[in-house]
Amino acid sequence: MNITKEEIIRQTNEALKKEFELSDAQLTPQANLKDDIGLDSLDAVDMVVVLEQKFHINIRQGYDLRSIVTLQNLYDFIEKIAQESAQKNQ
C-alpha cells in the first residue's frame, strides 16, 4: 500500500468525522485525542477498528497505542504501519 501523508490525513479525518461526529475544526494535528476530541478508551478501540478497515492494516498486535496522544501521532503511526505493510507485501 503506497499512500501519501496527505492521503493518510484526509482519510483518517474523514473516518473520524463519520465515526465520532466530529467537525473539521476539531481535527487539527495538535488536537489531543482524549482532551480535545473527547475519545475515551472504548472510543479508541472503535477508532482502531475503523482505521484498520479504512487502510486495510492490522494495528492491534505488537503496537503500543498508548503513545498516540495527538492526531499527528495517529497520522505518523498509520504512515509507519502502512509502510511496514507495503514492505512485507513486496
N, C-alpha and C. Protein backbone atom coordinates (compact mmCIF):
# COMPACT_ATOMS: atom_id res chain seq x y z
N MET A 1 0.85 -1.18 0.00
CA MET A 1 0.00 0.00 0.00
C MET A 1 0.90 1.24 0.00
N ASN A 2 0.91 1.95 -1.08
CA ASN A 2 1.72 3.17 -1.18
C ASN A 2 0.77 4.36 -1.08
N ILE A 3 0.84 5.06 0.04
CA ILE A 3 -0.10 6.14 0.30
C ILE A 3 0.67 7.36 0.80
N THR A 4 0.23 8.52 0.36
CA THR A 4 0.92 9.75 0.77
C THR A 4 0.47 10.18 2.15
N LYS A 5 1.29 10.98 2.79
CA LYS A 5 0.95 11.53 4.12
C LYS A 5 -0.34 12.34 4.04
N GLU A 6 -0.50 13.11 2.97
CA GLU A 6 -1.72 13.92 2.80
C GLU A 6 -2.96 13.04 2.70
N GLU A 7 -2.82 11.91 2.02
CA GLU A 7 -3.95 10.99 1.87
C GLU A 7 -4.28 10.32 3.21
N ILE A 8 -3.26 10.00 3.99
CA ILE A 8 -3.47 9.43 5.31
C ILE A 8 -4.25 10.42 6.18
N ILE A 9 -3.83 11.68 6.17
CA ILE A 9 -4.51 12.70 6.96
C ILE A 9 -5.95 12.85 6.50
N ARG A 10 -6.17 12.94 5.20
CA ARG A 10 -7.52 13.12 4.67
C ARG A 10 -8.42 11.95 5.04
N GLN A 11 -7.94 10.74 4.81
CA GLN A 11 -8.76 9.55 5.07
C GLN A 11 -9.00 9.34 6.57
N THR A 12 -7.99 9.62 7.38
CA THR A 12 -8.14 9.49 8.83
C THR A 12 -9.18 10.47 9.34
N ASN A 13 -9.06 11.73 8.93
CA ASN A 13 -10.02 12.74 9.36
C ASN A 13 -11.43 12.39 8.90
N GLU A 14 -11.55 11.92 7.67
CA GLU A 14 -12.85 11.53 7.13
C GLU A 14 -13.47 10.42 7.98
N ALA A 15 -12.67 9.42 8.32
CA ALA A 15 -13.17 8.29 9.11
C ALA A 15 -13.56 8.74 10.52
N LEU A 16 -12.73 9.59 11.12
CA LEU A 16 -13.04 10.06 12.48
C LEU A 16 -14.28 10.95 12.50
N LYS A 17 -14.43 11.80 11.49
CA LYS A 17 -15.62 12.66 11.41
C LYS A 17 -16.88 11.81 11.33
N LYS A 18 -16.83 10.79 10.50
CA LYS A 18 -18.00 9.94 10.30
C LYS A 18 -18.30 9.11 11.55
N GLU A 19 -17.28 8.48 12.12
CA GLU A 19 -17.48 7.57 13.26
C GLU A 19 -17.86 8.30 14.55
N PHE A 20 -17.26 9.46 14.79
CA PHE A 20 -17.45 10.14 16.07
C PHE A 20 -18.16 11.48 15.95
N GLU A 21 -18.70 11.78 14.77
CA GLU A 21 -19.46 13.01 14.53
C GLU A 21 -18.65 14.25 14.94
N LEU A 22 -17.44 14.33 14.40
CA LEU A 22 -16.54 15.44 14.70
C LEU A 22 -16.59 16.48 13.59
N SER A 23 -16.17 17.69 13.92
CA SER A 23 -16.11 18.76 12.92
C SER A 23 -14.68 18.91 12.41
N ASP A 24 -14.54 19.57 11.26
CA ASP A 24 -13.21 19.84 10.72
C ASP A 24 -12.37 20.64 11.71
N ALA A 25 -13.00 21.56 12.42
CA ALA A 25 -12.28 22.42 13.37
C ALA A 25 -11.63 21.62 14.50
N GLN A 26 -12.22 20.50 14.86
CA GLN A 26 -11.66 19.67 15.92
C GLN A 26 -10.44 18.88 15.46
N LEU A 27 -10.33 18.66 14.16
CA LEU A 27 -9.33 17.74 13.62
C LEU A 27 -8.07 18.48 13.17
N THR A 28 -7.34 19.00 14.13
CA THR A 28 -6.06 19.64 13.87
C THR A 28 -4.96 18.69 14.31
N PRO A 29 -3.79 18.73 13.68
CA PRO A 29 -2.72 17.80 14.04
C PRO A 29 -2.36 17.80 15.52
N GLN A 30 -2.44 18.95 16.17
CA GLN A 30 -2.05 19.04 17.58
C GLN A 30 -3.19 18.66 18.53
N ALA A 31 -4.37 18.36 18.00
CA ALA A 31 -5.51 18.01 18.86
C ALA A 31 -5.22 16.75 19.66
N ASN A 32 -5.47 16.84 20.97
CA ASN A 32 -5.31 15.70 21.86
C ASN A 32 -6.56 14.82 21.72
N LEU A 33 -6.34 13.53 21.46
CA LEU A 33 -7.47 12.63 21.20
C LEU A 33 -8.42 12.55 22.39
N LYS A 34 -7.88 12.59 23.59
CA LYS A 34 -8.72 12.48 24.78
C LYS A 34 -9.28 13.85 25.19
N ASP A 35 -8.40 14.82 25.38
CA ASP A 35 -8.81 16.10 25.95
C ASP A 35 -9.53 17.02 24.96
N ASP A 36 -9.06 17.07 23.71
CA ASP A 36 -9.64 17.99 22.73
C ASP A 36 -10.77 17.35 21.93
N ILE A 37 -10.61 16.08 21.60
CA ILE A 37 -11.61 15.41 20.75
C ILE A 37 -12.62 14.63 21.59
N GLY A 38 -12.21 14.25 22.79
CA GLY A 38 -13.15 13.60 23.71
C GLY A 38 -13.26 12.09 23.55
N LEU A 39 -12.24 11.45 23.00
CA LEU A 39 -12.29 10.00 22.84
C LEU A 39 -11.85 9.32 24.13
N ASP A 40 -12.66 8.38 24.60
CA ASP A 40 -12.27 7.61 25.78
C ASP A 40 -11.69 6.27 25.32
N SER A 41 -11.40 5.38 26.26
CA SER A 41 -10.73 4.13 25.90
C SER A 41 -11.60 3.25 25.00
N LEU A 42 -12.90 3.26 25.19
CA LEU A 42 -13.78 2.49 24.31
C LEU A 42 -13.80 3.09 22.90
N ASP A 43 -13.81 4.42 22.84
CA ASP A 43 -13.74 5.08 21.53
C ASP A 43 -12.43 4.73 20.82
N ALA A 44 -11.35 4.61 21.60
CA ALA A 44 -10.06 4.28 21.00
C ALA A 44 -10.11 2.91 20.32
N VAL A 45 -10.80 1.96 20.94
CA VAL A 45 -10.96 0.64 20.33
C VAL A 45 -11.75 0.76 19.02
N ASP A 46 -12.83 1.52 19.05
CA ASP A 46 -13.62 1.75 17.84
C ASP A 46 -12.77 2.42 16.76
N MET A 47 -11.94 3.38 17.17
CA MET A 47 -11.09 4.10 16.23
C MET A 47 -10.12 3.14 15.55
N VAL A 48 -9.54 2.23 16.32
CA VAL A 48 -8.61 1.25 15.76
C VAL A 48 -9.31 0.40 14.70
N VAL A 49 -10.50 -0.08 15.02
CA VAL A 49 -11.26 -0.92 14.09
C VAL A 49 -11.57 -0.15 12.81
N VAL A 50 -12.04 1.07 12.94
CA VAL A 50 -12.38 1.90 11.78
C VAL A 50 -11.15 2.13 10.90
N LEU A 51 -10.02 2.46 11.52
CA LEU A 51 -8.81 2.74 10.74
C LEU A 51 -8.22 1.49 10.12
N GLU A 52 -8.35 0.36 10.80
CA GLU A 52 -7.91 -0.90 10.20
C GLU A 52 -8.69 -1.19 8.92
N GLN A 53 -9.98 -0.99 8.99
CA GLN A 53 -10.82 -1.22 7.81
C GLN A 53 -10.53 -0.20 6.72
N LYS A 54 -10.34 1.05 7.10
CA LYS A 54 -10.11 2.12 6.13
C LYS A 54 -8.81 1.91 5.36
N PHE A 55 -7.75 1.52 6.09
CA PHE A 55 -6.43 1.41 5.48
C PHE A 55 -6.00 -0.03 5.20
N HIS A 56 -6.85 -1.00 5.52
CA HIS A 56 -6.55 -2.42 5.31
C HIS A 56 -5.23 -2.80 5.97
N ILE A 57 -5.12 -2.43 7.26
CA ILE A 57 -3.93 -2.74 8.04
C ILE A 57 -4.35 -3.36 9.36
N ASN A 58 -3.41 -3.99 10.04
CA ASN A 58 -3.67 -4.57 11.36
C ASN A 58 -2.82 -3.81 12.37
N ILE A 59 -3.45 -3.07 13.26
CA ILE A 59 -2.68 -2.27 14.20
C ILE A 59 -2.89 -2.69 15.66
N ARG A 60 -3.53 -3.80 15.88
CA ARG A 60 -3.80 -4.20 17.26
C ARG A 60 -2.65 -4.94 17.91
N GLN A 61 -1.95 -5.76 17.18
CA GLN A 61 -0.96 -6.63 17.80
C GLN A 61 0.44 -6.04 17.69
N GLY A 62 1.12 -5.99 18.81
CA GLY A 62 2.51 -5.61 18.82
C GLY A 62 2.79 -4.12 18.77
N TYR A 63 1.78 -3.30 18.92
CA TYR A 63 1.99 -1.85 18.87
C TYR A 63 1.51 -1.22 20.16
N ASP A 64 2.26 -0.26 20.65
CA ASP A 64 1.89 0.44 21.87
C ASP A 64 1.04 1.65 21.50
N LEU A 65 -0.25 1.48 21.58
CA LEU A 65 -1.17 2.54 21.20
C LEU A 65 -1.23 3.67 22.23
N ARG A 66 -0.68 3.44 23.42
CA ARG A 66 -0.67 4.49 24.45
C ARG A 66 0.20 5.68 24.05
N SER A 67 1.11 5.46 23.10
CA SER A 67 1.98 6.55 22.66
C SER A 67 1.25 7.52 21.73
N ILE A 68 0.05 7.16 21.31
CA ILE A 68 -0.73 8.01 20.42
C ILE A 68 -1.58 8.95 21.26
N VAL A 69 -1.16 10.21 21.33
CA VAL A 69 -1.84 11.19 22.16
C VAL A 69 -2.55 12.23 21.30
N THR A 70 -1.91 12.63 20.20
CA THR A 70 -2.47 13.67 19.32
C THR A 70 -2.83 13.08 17.97
N LEU A 71 -3.56 13.85 17.19
CA LEU A 71 -3.85 13.41 15.83
C LEU A 71 -2.57 13.24 15.02
N GLN A 72 -1.59 14.13 15.22
CA GLN A 72 -0.32 13.98 14.50
C GLN A 72 0.34 12.65 14.83
N ASN A 73 0.30 12.25 16.11
CA ASN A 73 0.82 10.93 16.49
C ASN A 73 0.10 9.84 15.72
N LEU A 74 -1.21 9.98 15.58
CA LEU A 74 -2.01 8.99 14.88
C LEU A 74 -1.65 8.94 13.40
N TYR A 75 -1.52 10.11 12.76
CA TYR A 75 -1.13 10.14 11.34
C TYR A 75 0.22 9.46 11.14
N ASP A 76 1.18 9.81 11.99
CA ASP A 76 2.53 9.23 11.88
C ASP A 76 2.50 7.73 12.09
N PHE A 77 1.70 7.28 13.04
CA PHE A 77 1.57 5.86 13.34
C PHE A 77 1.00 5.10 12.14
N ILE A 78 -0.07 5.64 11.55
CA ILE A 78 -0.68 4.98 10.38
C ILE A 78 0.31 4.94 9.22
N GLU A 79 1.04 6.02 9.03
CA GLU A 79 2.03 6.05 7.96
C GLU A 79 3.09 4.96 8.17
N LYS A 80 3.55 4.81 9.39
CA LYS A 80 4.55 3.79 9.73
C LYS A 80 4.00 2.39 9.45
N ILE A 81 2.78 2.11 9.90
CA ILE A 81 2.16 0.80 9.70
C ILE A 81 1.94 0.53 8.21
N ALA A 82 1.50 1.54 7.49
CA ALA A 82 1.26 1.38 6.05
C ALA A 82 2.58 1.08 5.32
N GLN A 83 3.66 1.75 5.72
CA GLN A 83 4.96 1.49 5.10
C GLN A 83 5.44 0.08 5.42
N GLU A 84 5.29 -0.33 6.68
CA GLU A 84 5.69 -1.69 7.06
C GLU A 84 4.88 -2.73 6.28
N SER A 85 3.60 -2.47 6.13
CA SER A 85 2.72 -3.38 5.40
C SER A 85 3.13 -3.46 3.93
N ALA A 86 3.45 -2.32 3.34
CA ALA A 86 3.87 -2.29 1.94
C ALA A 86 5.17 -3.06 1.75
N GLN A 87 6.10 -2.93 2.69
CA GLN A 87 7.38 -3.63 2.58
C GLN A 87 7.20 -5.14 2.69
N LYS A 88 6.29 -5.57 3.54
CA LYS A 88 6.01 -7.00 3.70
C LYS A 88 5.40 -7.60 2.44
N ASN A 89 4.62 -6.78 1.73
CA ASN A 89 3.91 -7.26 0.54
C ASN A 89 4.71 -7.16 -0.75
N GLN A 90 5.95 -6.71 -0.64
CA GLN A 90 6.78 -6.58 -1.87
C GLN A 90 7.41 -7.89 -2.22
